[in-house]
Protein backbone atom coordinates (compact mmCIF):
# COMPACT_ATOMS: atom_id res chain seq x y z
CA GLN A 1 152.26 130.15 169.43
CA VAL A 2 153.00 133.69 170.14
CA HIS A 3 156.86 134.99 169.10
CA LEU A 4 158.07 138.38 169.60
CA VAL A 5 161.33 139.48 167.92
CA GLU A 6 162.76 142.77 168.54
CA SER A 7 165.65 144.35 166.30
CA GLY A 8 167.34 147.60 165.13
CA GLY A 9 169.05 148.15 168.42
CA GLY A 10 172.90 149.83 168.34
CA LEU A 11 174.94 152.43 169.32
CA VAL A 12 174.37 155.74 168.45
CA GLN A 13 175.69 159.52 169.48
CA PRO A 14 173.49 161.45 171.70
CA GLY A 15 170.91 163.25 169.37
CA GLY A 16 170.66 160.58 167.04
CA SER A 17 167.76 158.15 166.01
CA LEU A 18 167.31 154.33 165.94
CA ARG A 19 164.38 152.52 164.24
CA LEU A 20 163.62 149.61 166.23
CA SER A 21 161.14 146.74 165.09
CA CYS A 22 159.69 144.05 166.62
CA ALA A 23 157.97 141.07 164.59
CA ALA A 24 154.95 139.49 165.83
CA SER A 25 154.26 135.65 164.77
CA GLY A 26 151.22 133.64 166.18
CA PHE A 27 148.75 136.54 166.27
CA THR A 28 147.72 139.81 164.39
CA ILE A 29 148.84 142.75 166.06
CA ARG A 30 145.60 144.84 165.12
CA SER A 31 143.81 142.57 167.62
CA TYR A 32 145.78 143.62 170.30
CA VAL A 33 147.18 146.87 172.14
CA MET A 34 151.04 146.14 171.91
CA SER A 35 153.76 147.94 174.28
CA TRP A 36 157.13 148.90 174.58
CA VAL A 37 158.84 148.59 177.55
CA ARG A 38 162.89 149.34 178.45
CA GLN A 39 165.07 148.49 180.95
CA ALA A 40 168.16 150.81 181.83
CA PRO A 41 171.23 149.30 183.56
CA GLY A 42 170.38 148.47 186.89
CA LYS A 43 166.95 149.64 187.02
CA GLY A 44 163.59 148.09 186.61
CA LEU A 45 161.56 147.96 183.82
CA GLU A 46 160.01 151.16 182.32
CA TRP A 47 157.11 151.48 180.09
CA VAL A 48 157.59 153.21 177.05
CA SER A 49 154.75 153.37 174.34
CA ASP A 50 151.16 151.86 174.05
CA ILE A 51 149.63 151.52 170.18
CA ASN A 52 146.56 150.04 169.06
CA SER A 53 147.63 149.37 166.00
CA SER A 54 143.49 148.82 164.67
CA GLY A 55 142.65 152.26 165.71
CA GLY A 56 145.72 154.01 165.63
CA SER A 57 145.99 155.42 168.93
CA THR A 58 149.18 155.44 170.58
CA TYR A 59 150.51 156.48 174.18
CA TYR A 60 153.84 157.57 175.33
CA ALA A 61 155.76 158.20 178.87
CA ASP A 62 156.77 161.54 179.40
CA SER A 63 160.08 160.95 179.18
CA VAL A 64 160.06 159.99 175.28
CA LYS A 65 157.02 161.94 174.34
CA GLY A 66 157.77 164.14 171.38
CA ARG A 67 161.26 162.15 170.69
CA TYR A 68 159.87 158.46 170.02
CA THR A 69 156.72 157.40 167.64
CA ALA A 70 155.31 154.12 167.55
CA SER A 71 153.54 152.38 164.62
CA GLY A 72 152.30 149.19 163.05
CA ASP A 73 152.81 147.60 160.24
CA ASN A 74 149.78 145.74 159.71
CA ALA A 75 150.63 143.83 156.14
CA GLU A 76 154.36 142.63 157.88
CA ASN A 77 152.48 142.28 161.66
CA THR A 78 155.39 143.95 162.52
CA LEU A 79 155.60 146.94 165.62
CA VAL A 80 158.18 150.15 165.04
CA LEU A 81 159.62 152.25 167.20
CA GLN A 82 161.01 155.37 165.61
CA MET A 83 163.57 157.14 168.65
CA ASN A 84 164.46 160.98 167.65
CA SER A 85 166.42 162.93 169.95
CA LEU A 86 168.20 160.05 171.82
CA LYS A 87 169.85 161.13 175.12
CA PRO A 88 172.10 158.93 177.01
CA GLU A 89 169.47 158.49 179.45
CA ASP A 90 167.46 156.08 176.99
CA THR A 91 170.05 153.54 176.96
CA ALA A 92 168.57 150.64 177.89
CA VAL A 93 167.27 147.32 176.64
CA TYR A 94 163.72 147.55 174.89
CA TYR A 95 161.36 144.73 175.06
CA CYS A 96 157.94 144.75 172.98
CA PHE A 97 155.18 143.13 175.09
CA ARG A 98 151.89 141.62 174.48
CA TYR A 99 149.13 140.99 177.24
CA PRO A 100 149.06 138.71 179.19
CA ASP A 101 152.86 137.63 179.28
CA TYR A 102 154.63 137.76 175.82
CA TRP A 103 157.81 139.04 175.59
CA GLY A 104 160.34 139.52 172.97
CA GLN A 105 163.95 138.97 173.64
CA GLY A 106 164.59 142.69 173.77
CA THR A 107 167.52 144.93 171.67
CA GLN A 108 170.18 147.06 173.35
CA VAL A 109 170.14 150.27 172.73
CA THR A 110 173.11 152.56 173.98
CA VAL A 111 173.38 156.50 173.47
CA SER A 112 177.12 157.48 174.08
CA SER A 113 179.60 159.65 172.47
């Protein structure tokens, strides 16, 4: 059975950093393209990043490019999203996602002074 569990969210000041993790079970992350998706308060879902941890390919939304780095720890079967230079507009619930419809419970990221 597929399970995704995010962790690492919290409150951080603008310009700060956070490291999110997504622990996967029931499948091997290197066999799938995995995604990070976020939802800001009162807004719809926004795609953030895709990662193919088998080949190492990563893709980012323009809004986070150059600030976020997605990676996969294949030994731990865990995704990581390193978020630097955080802005208030990055405030959202962050989810990891696997096609066709597997979601974690989300982790809250709040960027505020």
